[in-house]
Protein backbone atom coordinates (compact mmCIF):
# COMPACT_ATOMS: atom_id res chain seq x y z
CA UNK A 1 -29.61 11.92 -19.16
CA UNK A 2 -27.51 10.89 -22.17
CA UNK A 3 -25.81 14.28 -22.06
CA UNK A 4 -25.07 13.81 -18.34
CA UNK A 5 -23.69 10.32 -18.92
CA UNK A 6 -21.50 11.56 -21.75
CA UNK A 7 -20.20 14.39 -19.55
CA UNK A 8 -19.48 11.98 -16.72
CA UNK A 9 -17.69 9.53 -18.99
CA UNK A 10 -15.62 12.28 -20.60
CA UNK A 11 -14.71 13.88 -17.26
CA UNK A 12 -13.78 10.69 -15.44
CA UNK A 13 -11.77 9.46 -18.42
CA UNK A 14 -9.81 12.71 -18.47
CA UNK A 15 -9.25 12.66 -14.68
CA UNK A 16 -8.11 9.03 -14.77
CA UNK A 17 -5.66 9.64 -17.62
CA UNK A 18 -4.26 12.77 -15.97
CA UNK A 19 -3.87 11.57 -12.38
CA UNK A 20 -3.58 7.81 -12.17
CA UNK A 21 -0.39 7.16 -14.20
CA UNK A 22 1.43 9.86 -12.25
CA UNK A 23 0.16 8.68 -8.83
CA UNK A 24 1.05 5.10 -9.73
CA UNK A 25 4.58 6.23 -10.60
CA UNK A 26 4.89 8.04 -7.25
CA UNK A 27 3.75 4.97 -5.34
CA UNK A 28 6.07 2.79 -7.40
CA UNK A 29 9.09 4.68 -6.08
CA UNK A 30 7.65 4.89 -2.57
CA UNK A 31 7.11 1.16 -2.29
CA UNK A 32 10.38 0.34 -4.03
CA UNK A 33 12.29 2.40 -1.47
CA UNK A 34 10.40 0.64 1.30
CA UNK A 35 10.99 -2.98 0.25
CA UNK A 36 14.33 -2.91 -1.60
CA UNK A 37 15.92 -3.75 1.73
CA UNK A 38 14.74 -7.32 1.14
CA UNK A 39 17.05 -7.59 -1.85
CA UNK A 40 19.86 -5.61 -0.25
CA UNK A 41 19.80 -8.20 2.55
CA UNK A 42 21.13 -10.87 0.19
CA UNK A 43 24.61 -9.32 0.55
CA UNK A 44 24.22 -6.46 3.05
CA UNK A 45 23.43 -8.62 6.09
CA UNK A 46 26.85 -10.26 6.06
CA UNK A 47 28.65 -6.98 5.37
CA UNK A 48 27.18 -5.11 8.34
CA UNK A 49 26.69 -8.04 10.72
CA UNK A 50 22.91 -8.57 10.69
CA UNK A 51 21.51 -11.87 11.94
CA UNK A 52 18.09 -13.09 10.71
CA UNK A 53 16.46 -11.78 13.90
CA UNK A 54 18.19 -8.38 13.69
CA UNK A 55 17.24 -8.01 10.02
CA UNK A 56 13.60 -8.81 10.81
CA UNK A 57 13.66 -6.20 13.58
CA UNK A 58 15.36 -3.59 11.41
CA UNK A 59 13.15 -4.22 8.38
CA UNK A 60 10.04 -3.88 10.53
CA UNK A 61 11.04 -0.85 12.62
CA UNK A 62 10.31 1.26 9.53
CA UNK A 63 6.64 0.91 10.46
CA UNK A 64 7.12 2.20 14.01
CA UNK A 65 8.25 5.55 12.59
CA UNK A 66 5.47 5.31 10.04
CA UNK A 67 2.90 4.69 12.80
CA UNK A 68 3.98 7.59 14.99
CA UNK A 69 3.89 10.24 12.24
CA UNK A 70 1.02 8.98 10.06
CA UNK A 71 -1.95 10.87 11.52
CA UNK A 72 -0.10 14.22 11.98
CA UNK A 73 1.20 13.99 8.42
CA UNK A 74 -2.24 13.38 6.92
CA UNK A 75 -3.77 16.23 8.90
CA UNK A 76 -0.97 18.47 7.61
CA UNK A 77 -1.79 17.35 4.05
CA UNK A 78 -5.41 18.41 4.47
CA UNK A 79 -4.28 21.86 5.64
CA UNK A 80 -1.32 22.44 3.31
CA UNK A 81 -2.80 20.81 0.21
CA UNK A 82 -1.92 17.51 -1.44
CA UNK A 83 0.44 18.99 -4.03
CA UNK A 84 2.83 20.62 -1.55
CA UNK A 85 2.68 17.92 1.12
CA UNK A 86 3.08 14.91 -1.18
CA UNK A 87 6.07 16.62 -2.80
CA UNK A 88 7.61 17.21 0.64
CA UNK A 89 7.13 13.57 1.62
CA UNK A 90 8.70 12.28 -1.58
CA UNK A 91 11.77 14.47 -1.46
CA UNK A 92 12.36 13.61 2.21
CA UNK A 93 12.04 9.87 1.81
CA UNK A 94 14.18 9.85 -1.34
CA UNK A 95 17.09 11.48 0.47
CA UNK A 96 16.75 9.21 3.51
CA UNK A 97 16.48 6.07 1.37
CA UNK A 98 19.64 6.96 -0.55
CA UNK A 99 21.45 7.42 2.76
CA UNK A 100 20.89 3.71 3.39
CA UNK A 101 24.06 3.19 1.37
CA UNK A 102 26.09 4.47 4.32
CA UNK A 103 24.85 2.28 7.18
CA UNK A 104 27.73 0.60 9.02
CA UNK A 105 26.08 -1.85 11.42
CA UNK A 106 22.84 -2.94 13.14
CA UNK A 107 22.40 0.32 15.08
CA UNK A 108 22.71 2.68 12.10
CA UNK A 109 20.60 0.32 9.98
CA UNK A 110 17.74 0.35 12.48
CA UNK A 111 17.97 4.11 13.03
CA UNK A 112 17.80 4.82 9.30
CA UNK A 113 14.86 2.45 8.80
CA UNK A 114 12.97 4.26 11.58
CA UNK A 115 13.69 7.67 10.01
CA UNK A 116 12.64 6.37 6.59
CA UNK A 117 9.28 5.31 8.05
CA UNK A 118 8.80 8.76 9.59
CA UNK A 119 9.72 10.43 6.28
CA UNK A 120 7.24 8.36 4.24
CA UNK A 121 4.40 8.65 6.80
CA UNK A 122 1.27 10.14 5.28
CA UNK A 123 1.98 9.35 1.65
CA UNK A 124 -0.34 6.39 1.17
CA UNK A 125 -3.36 7.62 3.19
CA UNK A 126 -2.72 11.06 1.71
CA UNK A 127 -3.16 9.72 -1.80
CA UNK A 128 -6.25 7.70 -0.74
CA UNK A 129 -7.69 10.94 0.67
CA UNK A 130 -6.66 12.80 -2.50
CA UNK A 131 -8.55 10.26 -4.63
CA UNK A 132 -11.76 11.09 -2.72
CA UNK A 133 -11.37 14.67 -3.99
CA UNK A 134 -11.51 13.46 -7.60
CA UNK A 135 -13.48 10.20 -7.86
CA UNK A 136 -17.13 9.66 -6.80
CA UNK A 137 -17.69 6.65 -4.51
CA UNK A 138 -18.83 4.32 -7.31
CA UNK A 139 -15.30 4.48 -8.77
CA UNK A 140 -13.35 4.06 -5.53
CA UNK A 141 -12.38 0.35 -5.41
CA UNK A 142 -11.22 0.25 -9.01
CA UNK A 143 -9.16 3.47 -8.77
CA UNK A 144 -7.63 2.30 -5.48
CA UNK A 145 -6.81 -0.99 -7.19
CA UNK A 146 -5.32 0.91 -10.12
CA UNK A 147 -3.25 3.11 -7.79
CA UNK A 148 -2.07 0.15 -5.73
CA UNK A 149 -1.00 -1.59 -8.91
CA UNK A 150 2.33 0.07 -8.15
CA UNK A 151 2.67 -2.14 -5.07
CA UNK A 152 3.11 -5.53 -6.79
CA UNK A 153 4.59 -3.96 -9.94
CA UNK A 154 7.32 -2.21 -7.93
CA UNK A 155 8.09 -5.48 -6.18
CA UNK A 156 8.09 -7.45 -9.44
CA UNK A 157 10.05 -4.94 -11.52
CA UNK A 158 12.15 -4.03 -8.51
CA UNK A 159 13.12 -7.68 -8.15
CA UNK A 160 14.64 -7.67 -11.63
CA UNK A 161 16.19 -4.18 -11.39
CA UNK A 162 17.51 -4.79 -7.88
CA UNK A 163 19.10 -8.05 -8.97
CA UNK A 164 20.85 -6.20 -11.80
CA UNK A 165 22.03 -3.36 -9.55
CA UNK A 166 23.51 -5.84 -7.07
CA UNK A 167 25.85 -6.92 -9.87
CA UNK A 168 27.45 -3.46 -9.68
CA UNK A 169 29.30 -4.73 -6.62
CA UNK A 170 32.76 -3.16 -6.41
CA UNK A 171 32.06 -0.29 -8.82
CA UNK A 172 33.90 2.80 -7.53
CA UNK A 173 34.67 0.86 -4.36
CA UNK A 174 31.04 0.48 -3.26
CA UNK A 175 29.07 -2.71 -2.63
CA UNK A 176 26.11 -3.63 -4.84
CA UNK A 177 23.63 -3.08 -2.00
CA UNK A 178 24.97 0.47 -1.55
CA UNK A 179 24.32 1.23 -5.21
CA UNK A 180 20.85 -0.26 -4.74
CA UNK A 181 19.86 2.31 -2.11
CA UNK A 182 21.34 5.24 -4.04
CA UNK A 183 19.95 4.45 -7.49
CA UNK A 184 16.48 3.59 -6.18
CA UNK A 185 16.27 6.48 -3.71
CA UNK A 186 17.27 9.56 -5.69
CA UNK A 187 14.50 9.28 -8.36
CA UNK A 188 11.98 9.99 -5.59
CA UNK A 189 13.58 13.40 -5.03
CA UNK A 190 13.17 14.21 -8.73
CA UNK A 191 9.52 13.05 -8.69
CA UNK A 192 8.86 15.25 -5.66
CA UNK A 193 9.99 18.30 -7.63
CA UNK A 194 7.77 17.34 -10.58
CA UNK A 195 4.79 16.86 -8.21
CA UNK A 196 4.87 20.54 -7.28
CA UNK A 197 4.14 21.52 -10.90
CA UNK A 198 1.95 18.64 -12.02
CA UNK A 199 -0.74 17.98 -9.40
CA UNK A 200 -3.85 20.10 -8.79
CA UNK A 201 -5.29 20.17 -5.27
CA UNK A 202 -8.95 19.84 -6.32
CA UNK A 203 -11.26 19.79 -9.39
CA UNK A 204 -12.03 23.48 -8.89
CA UNK A 205 -8.34 24.28 -9.48
CA UNK A 206 -7.87 21.96 -12.46
CA UNK A 207 -7.17 24.15 -15.49
CA UNK A 208 -6.90 20.99 -17.61
CA UNK A 209 -10.68 20.38 -17.22
CA UNK A 210 -13.14 22.56 -19.11
CA UNK A 211 -15.76 24.51 -17.15
CA UNK A 212 -18.54 21.95 -17.64
CA UNK A 213 -16.29 19.12 -16.48
CA UNK A 214 -15.05 21.09 -13.46
CA UNK A 215 -18.57 22.04 -12.41
CA UNK A 216 -19.96 18.52 -12.81
CA UNK A 217 -17.15 16.86 -10.85
CA UNK A 218 -17.00 19.53 -8.15
CA UNK A 219 -20.77 19.21 -7.65
CA UNK A 220 -20.58 15.41 -7.41
CA UNK A 221 -17.74 15.41 -4.89
CA UNK A 222 -19.27 18.16 -2.73
CA UNK A 223 -22.65 16.40 -2.67
CA UNK A 224 -21.12 13.08 -1.60
CA UNK A 225 -18.95 14.76 1.02
CA UNK A 226 -21.95 16.60 2.47
CA UNK A 227 -24.02 13.41 2.52
CA UNK A 228 -21.32 11.45 4.35
CA UNK A 229 -20.91 14.30 6.84
CA UNK A 230 -24.68 14.38 7.42
CA UNK A 231 -24.94 10.62 7.94
CA UNK A 232 -21.70 10.06 9.89
CA UNK A 233 -20.64 13.44 11.29
CA UNK A 234 -17.60 12.99 13.55
CA UNK A 235 -15.10 15.26 15.22
CA UNK A 236 -11.38 14.51 15.10
CA UNK A 237 -11.47 13.00 18.60
CA UNK A 238 -14.53 10.87 17.77
CA UNK A 239 -12.83 9.60 14.62
CA UNK A 240 -9.68 8.55 16.45
CA UNK A 241 -11.79 6.60 18.98
CA UNK A 242 -14.36 5.27 16.49
CA UNK A 243 -14.69 1.47 16.86
CA UNK A 244 -15.33 0.96 13.14
CA UNK A 245 -12.10 2.77 12.27
CA UNK A 246 -10.23 0.72 14.88
CA UNK A 247 -11.65 -2.55 13.52
CA UNK A 248 -10.53 -1.53 10.03
CA UNK A 249 -7.10 -0.86 11.48
CA UNK A 250 -7.04 -4.35 13.01
CA UNK A 251 -8.08 -5.99 9.72
CA UNK A 252 -5.43 -4.04 7.84
CA UNK A 253 -2.83 -4.93 10.49
CA UNK A 254 -3.43 -8.62 9.77
CA UNK A 255 -3.38 -8.11 5.98
CA UNK A 256 -0.13 -6.14 6.12
CA UNK A 257 1.41 -8.68 8.50
CA UNK A 258 0.87 -11.37 5.88
CA UNK A 259 1.73 -9.27 2.81
CA UNK A 260 4.80 -7.44 4.09
CA UNK A 261 6.21 -10.42 5.94
CA UNK A 262 6.19 -12.20 2.60
CA UNK A 263 7.48 -9.28 0.52
CA UNK A 264 10.54 -8.63 2.68
CA UNK A 265 11.49 -12.29 3.14
CA UNK A 266 10.44 -13.80 -0.18
CA UNK A 267 13.82 -13.22 -1.93
CA UNK A 268 15.50 -15.20 0.83
CA UNK A 269 12.76 -17.86 0.71
CA UNK A 270 13.39 -18.19 -3.03
CA UNK A 271 17.12 -18.48 -2.45
CA UNK A 272 16.50 -21.19 0.16
CA UNK A 273 14.69 -23.25 -2.50
CA UNK A 274 18.06 -23.73 -4.15
CA UNK A 275 17.61 -21.24 -6.97
CA UNK A 276 20.81 -19.73 -8.42
CA UNK A 277 21.21 -16.12 -7.26
CA UNK A 278 20.69 -14.71 -10.76
CA UNK A 279 17.32 -16.52 -10.96
CA UNK A 280 16.03 -15.26 -7.60
CA UNK A 281 14.95 -11.87 -9.03
CA UNK A 282 12.95 -13.12 -12.05
CA UNK A 283 11.25 -15.97 -10.13
CA UNK A 284 10.52 -13.67 -7.19
CA UNK A 285 8.69 -11.34 -9.60
CA UNK A 286 6.16 -13.99 -10.72
CA UNK A 287 3.76 -13.81 -7.72
CA UNK A 288 3.70 -10.02 -7.90
CA UNK A 289 2.93 -9.90 -11.63
CA UNK A 290 -0.02 -12.25 -11.08
CA UNK A 291 -1.05 -10.23 -8.01
CA UNK A 292 -1.03 -7.00 -10.03
CA UNK A 293 -3.46 -8.39 -12.61
CA UNK A 294 -5.67 -9.85 -9.89
CA UNK A 295 -5.87 -6.54 -8.03
CA UNK A 296 -7.22 -4.70 -11.06
CA UNK A 297 -9.84 -7.37 -11.79
CA UNK A 298 -10.86 -7.74 -8.14
CA UNK A 299 -11.27 -3.97 -7.71
CA UNK A 300 -13.48 -3.65 -10.78
CA UNK A 301 -15.67 -6.57 -9.72
CA UNK A 302 -15.92 -5.19 -6.17
CA UNK A 303 -17.30 -1.87 -7.46
CA UNK A 304 -19.87 -3.67 -9.60
CA UNK A 305 -21.02 -5.87 -6.71
CA UNK A 306 -20.80 -3.22 -3.99
CA UNK A 307 -20.13 -5.97 -1.42
CA UNK A 308 -16.69 -4.81 -0.32
CA UNK A 309 -16.72 -6.61 3.01
CA UNK A 310 -17.53 -10.01 1.48
CA UNK A 311 -15.01 -9.56 -1.32
CA UNK A 312 -12.38 -8.62 1.26
CA UNK A 313 -13.07 -11.77 3.30
CA UNK A 314 -12.84 -13.97 0.20
CA UNK A 315 -9.51 -12.46 -0.82
CA UNK A 316 -8.02 -12.95 2.65
CA UNK A 317 -9.10 -16.60 2.63
CA UNK A 318 -7.36 -17.15 -0.72
CA UNK A 319 -4.18 -15.57 0.68
CA UNK A 320 -4.32 -17.81 3.75
CA UNK A 321 -4.71 -20.91 1.56
CA UNK A 322 -1.69 -19.92 -0.54
CA UNK A 323 0.51 -19.29 2.50
CA UNK A 324 -0.57 -22.59 4.04
CA UNK A 325 0.32 -24.41 0.81
CA UNK A 326 3.76 -22.79 0.73
CA UNK A 327 4.32 -23.65 4.40
CA UNK A 328 3.31 -27.29 3.99
CA UNK A 329 5.26 -27.95 0.77
CA UNK A 330 8.83 -29.08 0.30
CA UNK A 331 8.85 -29.12 -3.50
CA UNK A 332 10.03 -25.80 -5.04
CA UNK A 333 7.21 -25.66 -7.62
CA UNK A 334 4.55 -26.22 -4.94
CA UNK A 335 6.07 -23.52 -2.74
CA UNK A 336 6.13 -21.06 -5.65
CA UNK A 337 2.51 -21.95 -6.52
CA UNK A 338 1.53 -21.24 -2.91
CA UNK A 339 3.31 -17.89 -2.99
CA UNK A 340 1.49 -16.98 -6.23
CA UNK A 341 -1.86 -17.85 -4.62
CA UNK A 342 -0.91 -15.81 -1.54
CA UNK A 343 -0.20 -12.80 -3.80
CA UNK A 344 -3.54 -13.25 -5.58
CA UNK A 345 -5.43 -13.04 -2.29
CA UNK A 346 -3.16 -10.54 -0.57
CA UNK A 347 -3.31 -7.99 -3.37
CA UNK A 348 -6.93 -8.77 -4.24
CA UNK A 349 -7.90 -7.72 -0.70
CA UNK A 350 -6.52 -4.18 -0.99
CA UNK A 351 -9.06 -2.45 -3.31
CA UNK A 352 -12.04 -3.75 -1.32
CA UNK A 353 -10.45 -2.80 1.98
CA UNK A 354 -9.64 0.79 1.01
CA UNK A 355 -13.09 1.35 -0.49
CA UNK A 356 -14.66 0.75 2.95
CA UNK A 357 -13.46 3.78 5.00
CA UNK A 358 -14.19 6.24 2.18
CA UNK A 359 -17.89 5.28 2.35
CA UNK A 360 -18.42 6.93 5.75
CA UNK A 361 -15.51 9.33 6.38
CA UNK A 362 -15.22 12.87 5.03
CA UNK A 363 -13.22 16.07 5.63
CA UNK A 364 -10.93 16.08 8.67
CA UNK A 365 -12.48 12.79 9.80
CA UNK A 366 -11.40 11.20 6.51
CA UNK A 367 -7.85 12.56 6.84
CA UNK A 368 -7.55 11.28 10.42
CA UNK A 369 -9.49 8.03 9.95
CA UNK A 370 -7.63 6.91 6.84
CA UNK A 371 -4.30 7.73 8.47
CA UNK A 372 -5.23 5.97 11.72
CA UNK A 373 -6.42 2.79 10.00
CA UNK A 374 -3.31 2.81 7.81
CA UNK A 375 -0.92 3.50 10.69
CA UNK A 376 -2.41 0.75 12.87
CA UNK A 377 -2.40 -1.59 9.90
CA UNK A 378 1.17 -0.83 8.97
CA UNK A 379 2.37 -1.97 12.36
CA UNK A 380 1.85 -5.32 10.66
CA UNK A 381 4.76 -4.28 8.47
CA UNK A 382 6.84 -4.56 11.62
CA UNK A 383 5.13 -7.68 12.96
CA UNK A 384 5.32 -9.77 9.77
CA UNK A 385 9.05 -9.41 8.99
CA UNK A 386 9.97 -9.65 12.67
CA UNK A 387 7.92 -12.82 13.27
CA UNK A 388 9.44 -14.59 10.27
CA UNK A 389 12.92 -13.49 11.37
CA UNK A 390 12.31 -14.70 14.93
CA UNK A 391 10.81 -18.03 13.88
CA UNK A 392 13.57 -18.49 11.30
CA UNK A 393 16.23 -17.99 13.97
CA UNK A 394 14.66 -20.60 16.29
CA UNK A 395 13.62 -23.23 13.71
CA UNK A 396 14.92 -24.60 10.45
CA UNK A 397 13.47 -23.27 7.22
CA UNK A 398 10.59 -20.86 6.65
CA UNK A 399 7.59 -23.19 7.01
CA UNK A 400 6.58 -22.11 10.51
CA UNK A 401 6.94 -18.44 9.65
CA UNK A 402 4.71 -18.86 6.59
CA UNK A 403 2.16 -20.71 8.74
CA UNK A 404 2.01 -17.70 11.11
CA UNK A 405 1.32 -15.41 8.14
CA UNK A 406 -1.43 -17.78 6.96
CA UNK A 407 -3.17 -17.51 10.33
CA UNK A 408 -2.97 -13.70 10.15
CA UNK A 409 -4.59 -13.64 6.69
CA UNK A 410 -7.34 -16.04 7.78
CA UNK A 411 -8.14 -13.96 10.88
CA UNK A 412 -8.39 -10.84 8.69
CA UNK A 413 -10.99 -12.59 6.53
CA UNK A 414 -13.02 -13.80 9.50
CA UNK A 415 -13.10 -10.37 11.15
CA UNK A 416 -14.00 -8.67 7.86
CA UNK A 417 -16.88 -11.09 7.28
CA UNK A 418 -18.33 -10.53 10.75
CA UNK A 419 -17.76 -6.77 10.90
CA UNK A 420 -20.80 -4.51 10.74
CA UNK A 421 -21.25 -0.75 10.94
CA UNK A 422 -20.90 2.49 8.95
CA UNK A 423 -18.13 1.02 6.81
CA UNK A 424 -20.28 -1.90 5.70
CA UNK A 425 -21.69 -2.47 2.23
CA UNK A 426 -25.03 -0.91 3.21
CA UNK A 427 -23.40 2.54 3.58
CA UNK A 428 -22.31 2.62 -0.03
CA UNK A 429 -25.78 1.81 -1.29
CA UNK A 430 -27.45 4.26 1.09
CA UNK A 431 -25.25 7.20 0.13
CA UNK A 432 -25.72 6.60 -3.58
CA UNK A 433 -29.49 6.08 -3.22
CA UNK A 434 -29.76 9.31 -1.25
CA UNK A 435 -27.78 11.23 -3.86
CA UNK A 436 -29.84 9.72 -6.68
CA UNK A 437 -33.08 10.71 -4.96
CA UNK A 438 -31.86 14.29 -4.57
CA UNK A 439 -30.92 14.41 -8.22
CA UNK A 440 -34.38 13.31 -9.20
């Protein structure tokens, strides 16, 4: 037993060190290219004639393209292999993102945002699926939390970097927001090329593991996959119509509505507090730095407790409380405190949420189910920015828009708490108990 534990510890440590920093870096650039439009808007909107409502529509239409191509892209990843397909996605979205520098008005802005969503479709659920090839279920929430660390970190670091790049306004005759799209888009193309040489598709193909490590990990992953298939065997059609997958999609839709509505509008909310423009970036980064730390801690605790559904509901409630505080406050410090609390809950919810579908989906069902839940959920990336833009154009200030996001986060928590089925906490325990009994 001690030998087995030592082998497990050595193998998982090596896998984590090899894969996670690189995957985090990939997601960093992916999310940066998705949300840098929020900073570009500080000067771009006036240059190309975008009203608050048109910006909300354009920022959100990214997720329509994302929705339409998500499931096909993830099924292609399962067939082509993660290494090739993730590299293709990255190179495509990098080029499209850089082309954002050349939009001329509302129509070209919206068209490019739609194409960017289509180009990035499949990356996130593809990586979540890829993690199931390498990490047994008892590691899932914490590795998802570690991977998604790139989400708040890219927003926090991107806030500072984007603010600096905007100061390049006028260099070589281009506006600062044009430099923003170019300098934050092209690195993704480079990372796509590196992906082709760096990633391995599965443990069996990992030359950087020794034979004992490869055999142990391959056996663990195959056993868990077979057990999930035995307990919850589903065809592709059954997966796409599965009520538990659809409920997960609804929960994620509400979470993303709250999170992305805030991410894309927060720089402008900060500016509306009366902050000088050069302080908007650093102050905007604060909630995301706190959210990054919270996500790691929350994911680790969720794996120890195994009560993903309850932890998810608690996190959503915290996010709702923070958004409500920001909506009800008029003092800048109180608003910022509310936004920090919203980030704590919003990012704390993600590891627990993404641990749920991997407890009952495997194979093609996992590829389709993860993509479907993510694509439905990411429609919230359209709804959140658009709702704040619409409310902002019909009322004064951002209070009512933040209140709408608070309701979305609260509903996500309520639905998660009441949800039952294959994705519940009991599935995790049952699969692991079954595997343990076979081992004995």
